[in-house]
Amino acid sequence: MIGMFERKRPNRTSTENLKRIVGNHFGLSENDFVSISELNCLESGCPSKETVISILSPSGETRSLKVQKSIAEINSTDIENLVLK
């Protein structure tokens, strides 16, 4: 049974590229931490993959973004259309 988190890791290059796009778009510093997780959606009617991007600042503030695509499918336009929560 496939759970929410797959054991297979996304391509490291795709993940690093996405971190760079997020950092550039939101003007993050090298002190901000970006975490990216690719999840399987188990609910009916939702896309098979969802990527959660968490941004942690040195002050302790955490912001999250969700994209209804796999890491490899996300591009700069997808990030530009997101609003930090």
C-alpha atoms as a PDB file:
ATOM      1  CA  MET A   1       0.000   0.000   0.000  1.00  0.00           C
ATOM      2  CA  ILE A   2       1.351   3.398  -0.941  1.00  0.00           C
ATOM      3  CA  GLY A   3       1.069   5.911   1.856  1.00  0.00           C
ATOM      4  CA  MET A   4       1.110   9.664   1.872  1.00  0.00           C
ATOM      5  CA  PHE A   5       4.921   9.760   1.741  1.00  0.00           C
ATOM      6  CA  GLU A   6       6.591   7.646  -0.936  1.00  0.00           C
ATOM      7  CA  ARG A   7       9.850   5.953  -0.123  1.00  0.00           C
ATOM      8  CA  LYS A   8      11.302   6.946  -3.502  1.00  0.00           C
ATOM      9  CA  ARG A   9      12.927  10.372  -3.276  1.00  0.00           C
ATOM     10  CA  PRO A  10      12.299  13.067  -5.885  1.00  0.00           C
ATOM     11  CA  ASN A  11      15.189  14.023  -8.136  1.00  0.00           C
ATOM     12  CA  ARG A  12      17.715  16.031  -6.099  1.00  0.00           C
ATOM     13  CA  THR A  13      18.341  18.448  -8.976  1.00  0.00           C
ATOM     14  CA  SER A  14      14.604  19.212  -9.249  1.00  0.00           C
ATOM     15  CA  THR A  15      14.397  19.800  -5.498  1.00  0.00           C
ATOM     16  CA  GLU A  16      17.420  22.124  -5.423  1.00  0.00           C
ATOM     17  CA  ASN A  17      16.111  24.015  -8.454  1.00  0.00           C
ATOM     18  CA  LEU A  18      12.737  24.491  -6.757  1.00  0.00           C
ATOM     19  CA  LYS A  19      14.434  25.768  -3.582  1.00  0.00           C
ATOM     20  CA  ARG A  20      16.354  28.291  -5.702  1.00  0.00           C
ATOM     21  CA  ILE A  21      13.162  29.453  -7.458  1.00  0.00           C
ATOM     22  CA  VAL A  22      11.360  29.879  -4.104  1.00  0.00           C
ATOM     23  CA  GLY A  23      14.313  31.734  -2.574  1.00  0.00           C
ATOM     24  CA  ASN A  24      14.617  34.113  -5.509  1.00  0.00           C
ATOM     25  CA  HIS A  25      10.887  34.780  -5.806  1.00  0.00           C
ATOM     26  CA  PHE A  26      10.327  35.524  -2.123  1.00  0.00           C
ATOM     27  CA  GLY A  27      13.661  37.276  -1.571  1.00  0.00           C
ATOM     28  CA  LEU A  28      14.869  34.787   1.030  1.00  0.00           C
ATOM     29  CA  SER A  29      18.266  35.087   2.663  1.00  0.00           C
ATOM     30  CA  GLU A  30      20.765  32.289   3.208  1.00  0.00           C
ATOM     31  CA  ASN A  31      19.520  32.218   6.825  1.00  0.00           C
ATOM     32  CA  ASP A  32      16.014  31.154   5.762  1.00  0.00           C
ATOM     33  CA  PHE A  33      15.415  27.410   5.595  1.00  0.00           C
ATOM     34  CA  VAL A  34      13.307  25.906   2.797  1.00  0.00           C
ATOM     35  CA  SER A  35      11.860  22.415   3.228  1.00  0.00           C
ATOM     36  CA  ILE A  36      10.148  20.644   0.338  1.00  0.00           C
ATOM     37  CA  SER A  37       8.000  17.518   0.677  1.00  0.00           C
ATOM     38  CA  GLU A  38       6.221  15.623  -2.075  1.00  0.00           C
ATOM     39  CA  LEU A  39       3.098  13.822  -0.886  1.00  0.00           C
ATOM     40  CA  ASN A  40       0.718  11.308  -2.407  1.00  0.00           C
ATOM     41  CA  CYS A  41      -2.886  12.422  -2.154  1.00  0.00           C
ATOM     42  CA  LEU A  42      -5.051   9.615  -0.830  1.00  0.00           C
ATOM     43  CA  GLU A  43      -8.394  11.438  -1.057  1.00  0.00           C
ATOM     44  CA  SER A  44     -10.697  10.880  -4.001  1.00  0.00           C
ATOM     45  CA  GLY A  45     -10.860  13.705  -6.506  1.00  0.00           C
ATOM     46  CA  CYS A  46      -7.510  15.267  -5.672  1.00  0.00           C
ATOM     47  CA  PRO A  47      -4.354  15.210  -7.803  1.00  0.00           C
ATOM     48  CA  SER A  48      -2.102  12.219  -7.228  1.00  0.00           C
ATOM     49  CA  LYS A  49       0.791  14.434  -6.053  1.00  0.00           C
ATOM     50  CA  GLU A  50       1.040  17.511  -3.863  1.00  0.00           C
ATOM     51  CA  THR A  51       4.185  19.413  -2.989  1.00  0.00           C
ATOM     52  CA  VAL A  52       4.383  21.261   0.322  1.00  0.00           C
ATOM     53  CA  ILE A  53       6.985  24.018   0.587  1.00  0.00           C
ATOM     54  CA  SER A  54       7.760  25.291   4.093  1.00  0.00           C
ATOM     55  CA  ILE A  55       9.834  28.406   4.714  1.00  0.00           C
ATOM     56  CA  LEU A  56      11.323  28.848   8.184  1.00  0.00           C
ATOM     57  CA  SER A  57      12.889  32.183   9.067  1.00  0.00           C
ATOM     58  CA  PRO A  58      15.562  32.736  11.726  1.00  0.00           C
ATOM     59  CA  SER A  59      12.916  34.539  13.834  1.00  0.00           C
ATOM     60  CA  GLY A  60      10.913  31.308  14.055  1.00  0.00           C
ATOM     61  CA  GLU A  61       8.179  32.339  11.616  1.00  0.00           C
ATOM     62  CA  THR A  62       6.972  29.462   9.427  1.00  0.00           C
ATOM     63  CA  ARG A  63       5.159  29.913   6.132  1.00  0.00           C
ATOM     64  CA  SER A  64       3.718  27.151   3.962  1.00  0.00           C
ATOM     65  CA  LEU A  65       2.854  26.809   0.296  1.00  0.00           C
ATOM     66  CA  LYS A  66       1.074  23.955  -1.471  1.00  0.00           C
ATOM     67  CA  VAL A  67       1.223  23.095  -5.155  1.00  0.00           C
ATOM     68  CA  GLN A  68      -0.953  20.373  -6.659  1.00  0.00           C
ATOM     69  CA  LYS A  69       1.937  18.970  -8.719  1.00  0.00           C
ATOM     70  CA  SER A  70       5.008  16.843  -8.210  1.00  0.00           C
ATOM     71  CA  ILE A  71       8.318  18.600  -7.521  1.00  0.00           C
ATOM     72  CA  ALA A  72       9.566  17.866 -11.046  1.00  0.00           C
ATOM     73  CA  GLU A  73       6.466  19.485 -12.601  1.00  0.00           C
ATOM     74  CA  ILE A  74       6.631  22.783 -10.689  1.00  0.00           C
ATOM     75  CA  ASN A  75       8.056  25.778 -12.530  1.00  0.00           C
ATOM     76  CA  SER A  76       8.688  29.441 -11.731  1.00  0.00           C
ATOM     77  CA  THR A  77       5.206  30.466 -12.945  1.00  0.00           C
ATOM     78  CA  ASP A  78       3.622  28.114 -10.390  1.00  0.00           C
ATOM     79  CA  ILE A  79       5.628  29.784  -7.607  1.00  0.00           C
ATOM     80  CA  GLU A  80       4.828  33.293  -8.866  1.00  0.00           C
ATOM     81  CA  ASN A  81       1.110  32.463  -8.599  1.00  0.00           C
ATOM     82  CA  LEU A  82       1.364  31.394  -4.949  1.00  0.00           C
ATOM     83  CA  VAL A  83       0.598  33.541  -1.917  1.00  0.00           C
ATOM     84  CA  LEU A  84       2.475  32.920   1.327  1.00  0.00           C
ATOM     85  CA  LYS A  85       0.272  31.750   4.201  1.00  0.00           C
END
